[in-house]
All heavy atoms as atom14 arrays in JSON, in Angstrom:
{
  "sequence": "LRLGENDPYEPQIISFGPYHHGKPRLQDMEKYKWRYLEAILSRNE",
  "atom14_mask": [
    [1, 1, 1, 1, 1, 1, 1, 1, 0, 0, 0, 0, 0, 0],
    [1, 1, 1, 1, 1, 1, 1, 1, 1, 1, 1, 0, 0, 0],
    [1, 1, 1, 1, 1, 1, 1, 1, 0, 0, 0, 0, 0, 0],
    [1, 1, 1, 1, 0, 0, 0, 0, 0, 0, 0, 0, 0, 0],
    [1, 1, 1, 1, 1, 1, 1, 1, 1, 0, 0, 0, 0, 0],
    [1, 1, 1, 1, 1, 1, 1, 1, 0, 0, 0, 0, 0, 0],
    [1, 1, 1, 1, 1, 1, 1, 1, 0, 0, 0, 0, 0, 0],
    [1, 1, 1, 1, 1, 1, 1, 0, 0, 0, 0, 0, 0, 0],
    [1, 1, 1, 1, 1, 1, 1, 1, 1, 1, 1, 1, 0, 0],
    [1, 1, 1, 1, 1, 1, 1, 1, 1, 0, 0, 0, 0, 0],
    [1, 1, 1, 1, 1, 1, 1, 0, 0, 0, 0, 0, 0, 0],
    [1, 1, 1, 1, 1, 1, 1, 1, 1, 0, 0, 0, 0, 0],
    [1, 1, 1, 1, 1, 1, 1, 1, 0, 0, 0, 0, 0, 0],
    [1, 1, 1, 1, 1, 1, 1, 1, 0, 0, 0, 0, 0, 0],
    [1, 1, 1, 1, 1, 1, 0, 0, 0, 0, 0, 0, 0, 0],
    [1, 1, 1, 1, 1, 1, 1, 1, 1, 1, 1, 0, 0, 0],
    [1, 1, 1, 1, 0, 0, 0, 0, 0, 0, 0, 0, 0, 0],
    [1, 1, 1, 1, 1, 1, 1, 0, 0, 0, 0, 0, 0, 0],
    [1, 1, 1, 1, 1, 1, 1, 1, 1, 1, 1, 1, 0, 0],
    [1, 1, 1, 1, 1, 1, 1, 1, 1, 1, 0, 0, 0, 0],
    [1, 1, 1, 1, 1, 1, 1, 1, 1, 1, 0, 0, 0, 0],
    [1, 1, 1, 1, 0, 0, 0, 0, 0, 0, 0, 0, 0, 0],
    [1, 1, 1, 1, 1, 1, 1, 1, 1, 0, 0, 0, 0, 0],
    [1, 1, 1, 1, 1, 1, 1, 0, 0, 0, 0, 0, 0, 0],
    [1, 1, 1, 1, 1, 1, 1, 1, 1, 1, 1, 0, 0, 0],
    [1, 1, 1, 1, 1, 1, 1, 1, 0, 0, 0, 0, 0, 0],
    [1, 1, 1, 1, 1, 1, 1, 1, 1, 0, 0, 0, 0, 0],
    [1, 1, 1, 1, 1, 1, 1, 1, 0, 0, 0, 0, 0, 0],
    [1, 1, 1, 1, 1, 1, 1, 1, 0, 0, 0, 0, 0, 0],
    [1, 1, 1, 1, 1, 1, 1, 1, 1, 0, 0, 0, 0, 0],
    [1, 1, 1, 1, 1, 1, 1, 1, 1, 0, 0, 0, 0, 0],
    [1, 1, 1, 1, 1, 1, 1, 1, 1, 1, 1, 1, 0, 0],
    [1, 1, 1, 1, 1, 1, 1, 1, 1, 0, 0, 0, 0, 0],
    [1, 1, 1, 1, 1, 1, 1, 1, 1, 1, 1, 1, 1, 1],
    [1, 1, 1, 1, 1, 1, 1, 1, 1, 1, 1, 0, 0, 0],
    [1, 1, 1, 1, 1, 1, 1, 1, 1, 1, 1, 1, 0, 0],
    [1, 1, 1, 1, 1, 1, 1, 1, 0, 0, 0, 0, 0, 0],
    [1, 1, 1, 1, 1, 1, 1, 1, 1, 0, 0, 0, 0, 0],
    [1, 1, 1, 1, 1, 0, 0, 0, 0, 0, 0, 0, 0, 0],
    [1, 1, 1, 1, 1, 1, 1, 1, 0, 0, 0, 0, 0, 0],
    [1, 1, 1, 1, 1, 1, 1, 1, 0, 0, 0, 0, 0, 0],
    [1, 1, 1, 1, 1, 1, 0, 0, 0, 0, 0, 0, 0, 0],
    [1, 1, 1, 1, 1, 1, 1, 1, 1, 1, 1, 0, 0, 0],
    [1, 1, 1, 1, 1, 1, 1, 1, 0, 0, 0, 0, 0, 0],
    [1, 1, 1, 1, 1, 1, 1, 1, 1, 0, 0, 0, 0, 0]
  ],
  "atom14_positions": [
    [[120.18, 123.49, 133.73], [120.34, 124.48, 132.66], [119.34, 124.27, 131.53], [119.03, 125.18, 130.78], [121.76, 124.43, 132.1], [122.86, 124.86, 133.07], [124.24, 124.71, 132.44], [122.66, 126.31, 133.51], [0.0, 0.0, 0.0], [0.0, 0.0, 0.0], [0.0, 0.0, 0.0], [0.0, 0.0, 0.0], [0.0, 0.0, 0.0], [0.0, 0.0, 0.0]],
    [[118.81, 123.05, 131.41], [117.78, 122.8, 130.4], [116.47, 123.48, 130.77], [115.74, 123.97, 129.91], [117.52, 121.3, 130.27], [118.61, 120.54, 129.53], [118.31, 119.06, 129.49], [119.34, 118.33, 128.79], [119.29, 118.02, 127.5], [118.24, 118.37, 126.79], [120.28, 117.37, 126.92], [0.0, 0.0, 0.0], [0.0, 0.0, 0.0], [0.0, 0.0, 0.0]],
    [[116.15, 123.47, 132.06], [114.93, 124.09, 132.55], [113.7, 123.59, 131.79], [112.83, 124.35, 131.38], [115.04, 125.61, 132.46], [116.18, 126.23, 133.3], [116.32, 127.71, 132.99], [115.93, 126.02, 134.78], [0.0, 0.0, 0.0], [0.0, 0.0, 0.0], [0.0, 0.0, 0.0], [0.0, 0.0, 0.0], [0.0, 0.0, 0.0], [0.0, 0.0, 0.0]],
    [[113.67, 122.27, 131.6], [112.5, 121.66, 130.97], [112.52, 121.68, 129.45], [111.57, 121.19, 128.82], [0.0, 0.0, 0.0], [0.0, 0.0, 0.0], [0.0, 0.0, 0.0], [0.0, 0.0, 0.0], [0.0, 0.0, 0.0], [0.0, 0.0, 0.0], [0.0, 0.0, 0.0], [0.0, 0.0, 0.0], [0.0, 0.0, 0.0], [0.0, 0.0, 0.0]],
    [[113.57, 122.2, 128.84], [113.65, 122.28, 127.38], [114.7, 121.33, 126.84], [115.77, 121.19, 127.43], [113.99, 123.7, 126.93], [112.92, 124.73, 127.19], [113.29, 126.07, 126.58], [114.28, 126.66, 127.04], [112.6, 126.5, 125.65], [0.0, 0.0, 0.0], [0.0, 0.0, 0.0], [0.0, 0.0, 0.0], [0.0, 0.0, 0.0], [0.0, 0.0, 0.0]],
    [[114.41, 120.7, 125.7], [115.37, 119.83, 125.05], [115.78, 120.33, 123.66], [116.91, 120.13, 123.23], [114.81, 118.41, 124.91], [114.69, 117.71, 126.26], [115.54, 117.88, 127.14], [113.64, 116.93, 126.44], [0.0, 0.0, 0.0], [0.0, 0.0, 0.0], [0.0, 0.0, 0.0], [0.0, 0.0, 0.0], [0.0, 0.0, 0.0], [0.0, 0.0, 0.0]],
    [[114.86, 120.97, 122.97], [115.1, 121.37, 121.57], [116.37, 122.18, 121.36], [117.09, 121.96, 120.37], [113.9, 122.14, 121.02], [112.73, 121.22, 120.71], [112.92, 119.99, 120.74], [111.62, 121.73, 120.47], [0.0, 0.0, 0.0], [0.0, 0.0, 0.0], [0.0, 0.0, 0.0], [0.0, 0.0, 0.0], [0.0, 0.0, 0.0], [0.0, 0.0, 0.0]],
    [[116.71, 123.15, 122.23], [117.92, 123.95, 121.96], [119.23, 123.17, 122.09], [120.28, 123.68, 121.7], [117.86, 125.06, 123.01], [116.45, 125.1, 123.46], [115.98, 123.68, 123.38], [0.0, 0.0, 0.0], [0.0, 0.0, 0.0], [0.0, 0.0, 0.0], [0.0, 0.0, 0.0], [0.0, 0.0, 0.0], [0.0, 0.0, 0.0], [0.0, 0.0, 0.0]],
    [[119.18, 121.94, 122.61], [120.41, 121.22, 122.93], [120.55, 119.88, 122.22], [121.6, 119.25, 122.31], [120.49, 121.0, 124.44], [120.13, 122.23, 125.23], [118.95, 122.3, 125.96], [120.96, 123.35, 125.22], [118.6, 123.46, 126.66], [120.63, 124.5, 125.91], [119.44, 124.55, 126.63], [119.1, 125.68, 127.31], [0.0, 0.0, 0.0], [0.0, 0.0, 0.0]],
    [[119.51, 119.42, 121.54], [119.55, 118.11, 120.92], [119.48, 118.21, 119.4], [118.75, 119.05, 118.87], [118.41, 117.24, 121.45], [118.51, 116.99, 122.95], [117.5, 115.99, 123.46], [116.65, 115.54, 122.64], [117.54, 115.65, 124.66], [0.0, 0.0, 0.0], [0.0, 0.0, 0.0], [0.0, 0.0, 0.0], [0.0, 0.0, 0.0], [0.0, 0.0, 0.0]],
    [[120.26, 117.35, 118.69], [120.3, 117.42, 117.23], [118.95, 117.12, 116.6], [118.17, 116.32, 117.13], [121.35, 116.37, 116.85], [121.38, 115.43, 118.02], [121.11, 116.28, 119.23], [0.0, 0.0, 0.0], [0.0, 0.0, 0.0], [0.0, 0.0, 0.0], [0.0, 0.0, 0.0], [0.0, 0.0, 0.0], [0.0, 0.0, 0.0], [0.0, 0.0, 0.0]],
    [[118.73, 117.76, 115.46], [117.46, 117.59, 114.76], [117.53, 116.54, 113.66], [116.54, 115.85, 113.4], [117.03, 118.93, 114.16], [116.89, 120.05, 115.18], [115.87, 119.72, 116.26], [114.72, 119.44, 115.95], [116.29, 119.76, 117.52], [0.0, 0.0, 0.0], [0.0, 0.0, 0.0], [0.0, 0.0, 0.0], [0.0, 0.0, 0.0], [0.0, 0.0, 0.0]],
    [[118.69, 116.41, 112.98], [118.76, 115.44, 111.89], [119.97, 114.52, 111.93], [119.93, 113.42, 111.38], [118.71, 116.14, 110.5], [119.93, 117.03, 110.31], [117.41, 116.89, 110.31], [120.08, 117.53, 108.88], [0.0, 0.0, 0.0], [0.0, 0.0, 0.0], [0.0, 0.0, 0.0], [0.0, 0.0, 0.0], [0.0, 0.0, 0.0], [0.0, 0.0, 0.0]],
    [[121.09, 114.94, 112.57], [122.3, 114.12, 112.55], [123.0, 114.15, 113.9], [123.09, 115.19, 114.54], [123.26, 114.58, 111.42], [124.43, 113.62, 111.28], [123.75, 116.02, 111.65], [125.26, 113.85, 110.02], [0.0, 0.0, 0.0], [0.0, 0.0, 0.0], [0.0, 0.0, 0.0], [0.0, 0.0, 0.0], [0.0, 0.0, 0.0], [0.0, 0.0, 0.0]],
    [[123.47, 112.99, 114.32], [124.17, 112.88, 115.6], [125.67, 112.75, 115.38], [126.11, 112.13, 114.41], [123.66, 111.67, 116.39], [124.05, 110.46, 115.75], [0.0, 0.0, 0.0], [0.0, 0.0, 0.0], [0.0, 0.0, 0.0], [0.0, 0.0, 0.0], [0.0, 0.0, 0.0], [0.0, 0.0, 0.0], [0.0, 0.0, 0.0], [0.0, 0.0, 0.0]],
    [[126.43, 113.33, 116.29], [127.87, 113.14, 116.35], [128.21, 112.78, 117.79], [127.76, 113.44, 118.72], [128.62, 114.42, 115.94], [128.37, 114.85, 114.53], [127.59, 115.96, 114.25], [128.9, 114.15, 113.46], [127.35, 116.37, 112.95], [128.67, 114.55, 112.16], [127.9, 115.66, 111.89], [0.0, 0.0, 0.0], [0.0, 0.0, 0.0], [0.0, 0.0, 0.0]],
    [[129.02, 111.76, 117.98], [129.36, 111.35, 119.32], [128.3, 110.43, 119.92], [127.29, 110.1, 119.28], [0.0, 0.0, 0.0], [0.0, 0.0, 0.0], [0.0, 0.0, 0.0], [0.0, 0.0, 0.0], [0.0, 0.0, 0.0], [0.0, 0.0, 0.0], [0.0, 0.0, 0.0], [0.0, 0.0, 0.0], [0.0, 0.0, 0.0], [0.0, 0.0, 0.0]],
    [[128.5, 110.03, 121.18], [127.69, 108.96, 121.76], [126.35, 109.37, 122.37], [125.47, 108.52, 122.54], [128.6, 108.4, 122.86], [129.41, 109.58, 123.29], [129.64, 110.4, 122.05], [0.0, 0.0, 0.0], [0.0, 0.0, 0.0], [0.0, 0.0, 0.0], [0.0, 0.0, 0.0], [0.0, 0.0, 0.0], [0.0, 0.0, 0.0], [0.0, 0.0, 0.0]],
    [[126.19, 110.65, 122.73], [125.01, 111.02, 123.51], [123.69, 110.81, 122.77], [122.68, 110.48, 123.39], [125.11, 112.47, 123.98], [126.21, 112.71, 125.0], [126.93, 113.9, 125.01], [126.53, 111.76, 125.96], [127.93, 114.13, 125.94], [127.52, 111.97, 126.89], [128.23, 113.17, 126.87], [129.21, 113.38, 127.8], [0.0, 0.0, 0.0], [0.0, 0.0, 0.0]],
    [[123.68, 111.02, 121.48], [122.44, 110.89, 120.71], [122.54, 109.8, 119.64], [121.68, 109.71, 118.77], [122.08, 112.24, 120.09], [121.88, 113.32, 121.09], [120.74, 113.46, 121.84], [122.73, 114.31, 121.52], [120.86, 114.48, 122.67], [122.06, 115.01, 122.5], [0.0, 0.0, 0.0], [0.0, 0.0, 0.0], [0.0, 0.0, 0.0], [0.0, 0.0, 0.0]],
    [[123.58, 109.0, 119.75], [123.8, 107.91, 118.79], [122.66, 106.89, 118.84], [122.23, 106.49, 119.91], [125.12, 107.22, 119.11], [125.4, 106.03, 118.26], [125.73, 106.13, 116.93], [125.39, 104.69, 118.55], [125.93, 104.92, 116.43], [125.72, 104.03, 117.39], [0.0, 0.0, 0.0], [0.0, 0.0, 0.0], [0.0, 0.0, 0.0], [0.0, 0.0, 0.0]],
    [[122.18, 106.51, 117.68], [121.17, 105.46, 117.6], [119.74, 105.89, 117.77], [118.83, 105.04, 117.72], [0.0, 0.0, 0.0], [0.0, 0.0, 0.0], [0.0, 0.0, 0.0], [0.0, 0.0, 0.0], [0.0, 0.0, 0.0], [0.0, 0.0, 0.0], [0.0, 0.0, 0.0], [0.0, 0.0, 0.0], [0.0, 0.0, 0.0], [0.0, 0.0, 0.0]],
    [[119.49, 107.19, 117.98], [118.11, 107.63, 118.14], [117.36, 107.45, 116.82], [117.85, 107.83, 115.75], [118.07, 109.1, 118.58], [118.53, 109.3, 120.02], [118.3, 110.73, 120.48], [118.63, 110.86, 121.98], [118.43, 112.24, 122.46], [0.0, 0.0, 0.0], [0.0, 0.0, 0.0], [0.0, 0.0, 0.0], [0.0, 0.0, 0.0], [0.0, 0.0, 0.0]],
    [[116.16, 106.88, 116.89], [115.41, 106.56, 115.65], [115.2, 107.75, 114.73], [115.31, 107.63, 113.51], [114.08, 106.02, 116.19], [114.43, 105.45, 117.53], [115.47, 106.37, 118.09], [0.0, 0.0, 0.0], [0.0, 0.0, 0.0], [0.0, 0.0, 0.0], [0.0, 0.0, 0.0], [0.0, 0.0, 0.0], [0.0, 0.0, 0.0], [0.0, 0.0, 0.0]],
    [[114.93, 108.93, 115.29], [114.62, 110.08, 114.44], [115.84, 110.62, 113.71], [115.72, 111.48, 112.83], [113.98, 111.19, 115.28], [114.87, 111.76, 116.36], [114.1, 112.78, 117.21], [114.9, 113.29, 118.31], [115.77, 114.27, 118.22], [115.97, 114.85, 117.05], [116.45, 114.69, 119.26], [0.0, 0.0, 0.0], [0.0, 0.0, 0.0], [0.0, 0.0, 0.0]],
    [[117.04, 110.12, 114.05], [118.26, 110.59, 113.41], [118.83, 109.56, 112.44], [119.91, 109.77, 111.88], [119.32, 110.93, 114.47], [118.92, 111.95, 115.54], [120.03, 112.1, 116.57], [118.59, 113.3, 114.91], [0.0, 0.0, 0.0], [0.0, 0.0, 0.0], [0.0, 0.0, 0.0], [0.0, 0.0, 0.0], [0.0, 0.0, 0.0], [0.0, 0.0, 0.0]],
    [[118.11, 108.47, 112.2], [118.64, 107.38, 111.4], [118.72, 107.68, 109.91], [119.5, 107.06, 109.19], [117.82, 106.11, 111.64], [117.97, 105.52, 113.03], [119.44, 105.33, 113.41], [120.15, 104.54, 112.79], [119.9, 106.06, 114.42], [0.0, 0.0, 0.0], [0.0, 0.0, 0.0], [0.0, 0.0, 0.0], [0.0, 0.0, 0.0], [0.0, 0.0, 0.0]],
    [[117.92, 108.61, 109.44], [117.94, 108.9, 108.0], [119.29, 109.38, 107.51], [119.64, 109.19, 106.34], [116.87, 109.96, 107.66], [115.46, 109.4, 107.69], [115.33, 108.15, 107.72], [114.51, 110.19, 107.69], [0.0, 0.0, 0.0], [0.0, 0.0, 0.0], [0.0, 0.0, 0.0], [0.0, 0.0, 0.0], [0.0, 0.0, 0.0], [0.0, 0.0, 0.0]],
    [[120.07, 110.0, 108.39], [121.38, 110.53, 107.98], [122.48, 109.48, 108.06], [123.6, 109.74, 107.58], [121.75, 111.73, 108.85], [120.96, 112.99, 108.54], [121.23, 113.61, 106.87], [122.95, 114.12, 106.95], [0.0, 0.0, 0.0], [0.0, 0.0, 0.0], [0.0, 0.0, 0.0], [0.0, 0.0, 0.0], [0.0, 0.0, 0.0], [0.0, 0.0, 0.0]],
    [[122.21, 108.34, 108.65], [123.26, 107.33, 108.8], [123.77, 106.85, 107.45], [124.96, 106.56, 107.3], [122.75, 106.15, 109.63], [122.5, 106.49, 111.09], [123.76, 106.98, 111.8], [124.77, 106.25, 111.81], [123.73, 108.12, 112.34], [0.0, 0.0, 0.0], [0.0, 0.0, 0.0], [0.0, 0.0, 0.0], [0.0, 0.0, 0.0], [0.0, 0.0, 0.0]],
    [[122.92, 106.75, 106.45], [123.37, 106.28, 105.13], [124.4, 107.23, 104.53], [125.32, 106.81, 103.81], [122.19, 106.11, 104.18], [121.37, 107.35, 103.9], [120.23, 107.04, 102.94], [119.36, 108.26, 102.66], [118.52, 108.59, 103.84], [0.0, 0.0, 0.0], [0.0, 0.0, 0.0], [0.0, 0.0, 0.0], [0.0, 0.0, 0.0], [0.0, 0.0, 0.0]],
    [[124.27, 108.53, 104.83], [125.25, 109.49, 104.31], [126.6, 109.3, 104.99], [127.65, 109.54, 104.38], [124.74, 110.92, 104.5], [123.52, 111.24, 103.68], [122.27, 111.34, 104.27], [123.62, 111.43, 102.3], [121.13, 111.63, 103.51], [122.49, 111.72, 101.54], [121.26, 111.81, 102.15], [120.14, 112.09, 101.4], [0.0, 0.0, 0.0], [0.0, 0.0, 0.0]],
    [[126.59, 108.9, 106.24], [127.86, 108.66, 106.94], [128.63, 107.52, 106.25], [129.85, 107.61, 106.09], [127.61, 108.32, 108.41], [127.06, 109.47, 109.23], [126.85, 109.06, 110.68], [126.27, 110.19, 111.51], [126.05, 109.82, 112.92], [0.0, 0.0, 0.0], [0.0, 0.0, 0.0], [0.0, 0.0, 0.0], [0.0, 0.0, 0.0], [0.0, 0.0, 0.0]],
    [[127.93, 106.47, 105.84], [128.58, 105.37, 105.14], [129.11, 105.81, 103.78], [130.21, 105.41, 103.36], [127.62, 104.19, 104.99], [127.36, 103.47, 106.28], [126.32, 103.65, 107.16], [128.19, 102.46, 106.86], [126.44, 102.83, 108.25], [127.59, 102.07, 108.1], [129.38, 101.84, 106.48], [128.13, 101.09, 108.92], [129.93, 100.86, 107.31], [129.3, 100.49, 108.51]],
    [[128.34, 106.63, 103.08], [128.79, 107.12, 101.78], [130.02, 108.01, 101.93], [130.95, 107.97, 101.1], [127.67, 107.89, 101.09], [126.5, 107.02, 100.66], [125.39, 107.84, 100.04], [124.2, 107.03, 99.8], [123.05, 107.5, 99.36], [122.93, 108.8, 99.1], [122.02, 106.7, 99.17], [0.0, 0.0, 0.0], [0.0, 0.0, 0.0], [0.0, 0.0, 0.0]],
    [[130.03, 108.82, 102.98], [131.17, 109.71, 103.17], [132.41, 108.94, 103.64], [133.54, 109.33, 103.34], [130.81, 110.81, 104.17], [130.05, 111.97, 103.55], [129.19, 111.78, 102.47], [130.2, 113.26, 104.02], [128.49, 112.84, 101.9], [129.52, 114.34, 103.45], [128.67, 114.11, 102.38], [127.99, 115.16, 101.81], [0.0, 0.0, 0.0], [0.0, 0.0, 0.0]],
    [[132.21, 107.85, 104.38], [133.34, 106.99, 104.73], [133.96, 106.4, 103.46], [135.19, 106.39, 103.3], [132.88, 105.86, 105.65], [133.9, 104.75, 105.92], [135.16, 105.3, 106.58], [133.29, 103.63, 106.76], [0.0, 0.0, 0.0], [0.0, 0.0, 0.0], [0.0, 0.0, 0.0], [0.0, 0.0, 0.0], [0.0, 0.0, 0.0], [0.0, 0.0, 0.0]],
    [[133.13, 105.95, 102.56], [133.61, 105.41, 101.29], [134.37, 106.49, 100.5], [135.4, 106.22, 99.89], [132.43, 104.9, 100.47], [132.82, 104.19, 99.18], [131.62, 103.64, 98.44], [130.5, 104.17, 98.62], [131.8, 102.67, 97.67], [0.0, 0.0, 0.0], [0.0, 0.0, 0.0], [0.0, 0.0, 0.0], [0.0, 0.0, 0.0], [0.0, 0.0, 0.0]],
    [[133.86, 107.73, 100.57], [134.52, 108.84, 99.86], [135.89, 109.13, 100.47], [136.86, 109.4, 99.75], [133.64, 110.08, 99.91], [0.0, 0.0, 0.0], [0.0, 0.0, 0.0], [0.0, 0.0, 0.0], [0.0, 0.0, 0.0], [0.0, 0.0, 0.0], [0.0, 0.0, 0.0], [0.0, 0.0, 0.0], [0.0, 0.0, 0.0], [0.0, 0.0, 0.0]],
    [[136.0, 109.06, 101.79], [137.28, 109.28, 102.46], [138.28, 108.23, 102.01], [139.44, 108.53, 101.68], [137.1, 109.23, 104.0], [136.44, 110.52, 104.52], [138.44, 109.0, 104.7], [137.34, 111.72, 104.56], [0.0, 0.0, 0.0], [0.0, 0.0, 0.0], [0.0, 0.0, 0.0], [0.0, 0.0, 0.0], [0.0, 0.0, 0.0], [0.0, 0.0, 0.0]],
    [[137.85, 106.96, 101.97], [138.76, 105.88, 101.58], [139.2, 106.02, 100.13], [140.34, 105.66, 99.78], [138.07, 104.53, 101.81], [137.75, 104.17, 103.26], [136.94, 102.88, 103.33], [139.02, 104.05, 104.08], [0.0, 0.0, 0.0], [0.0, 0.0, 0.0], [0.0, 0.0, 0.0], [0.0, 0.0, 0.0], [0.0, 0.0, 0.0], [0.0, 0.0, 0.0]],
    [[138.33, 106.54, 99.28], [138.67, 106.68, 97.87], [139.6, 107.86, 97.61], [140.22, 107.94, 96.54], [137.4, 106.83, 97.03], [136.74, 108.04, 97.32], [0.0, 0.0, 0.0], [0.0, 0.0, 0.0], [0.0, 0.0, 0.0], [0.0, 0.0, 0.0], [0.0, 0.0, 0.0], [0.0, 0.0, 0.0], [0.0, 0.0, 0.0], [0.0, 0.0, 0.0]],
    [[139.71, 108.78, 98.56], [140.6, 109.93, 98.38], [142.07, 109.5, 98.39], [142.91, 110.14, 97.77], [140.35, 110.99, 99.47], [139.09, 111.82, 99.25], [138.91, 112.87, 100.33], [137.72, 113.69, 100.09], [137.7, 114.8, 99.37], [138.82, 115.24, 98.83], [136.59, 115.48, 99.21], [0.0, 0.0, 0.0], [0.0, 0.0, 0.0], [0.0, 0.0, 0.0]],
    [[142.37, 108.49, 99.15], [143.73, 107.97, 99.16], [143.63, 106.45, 99.37], [143.59, 105.97, 100.5], [144.55, 108.61, 100.28], [146.02, 108.25, 100.2], [146.4, 107.3, 99.52], [146.86, 108.99, 100.92], [0.0, 0.0, 0.0], [0.0, 0.0, 0.0], [0.0, 0.0, 0.0], [0.0, 0.0, 0.0], [0.0, 0.0, 0.0], [0.0, 0.0, 0.0]],
    [[143.63, 105.73, 98.27], [143.43, 104.28, 98.33], [144.64, 103.55, 98.91], [144.56, 102.35, 99.19], [143.09, 103.75, 96.94], [141.75, 104.3, 96.42], [141.4, 103.77, 95.05], [142.27, 103.07, 94.44], [140.28, 104.05, 94.58], [0.0, 0.0, 0.0], [0.0, 0.0, 0.0], [0.0, 0.0, 0.0], [0.0, 0.0, 0.0], [0.0, 0.0, 0.0]]
  ]
}
């Protein structure tokens, strides 16, 4: 179904789930995930 194409199916800036986890080009958004985890914890301490 890809027919030689990847762009329509792969994340450009942020990964969710295991398939694209850890890809170098998506690492810039990882810091926001940690900040949002902290925000979740602060919503109900």
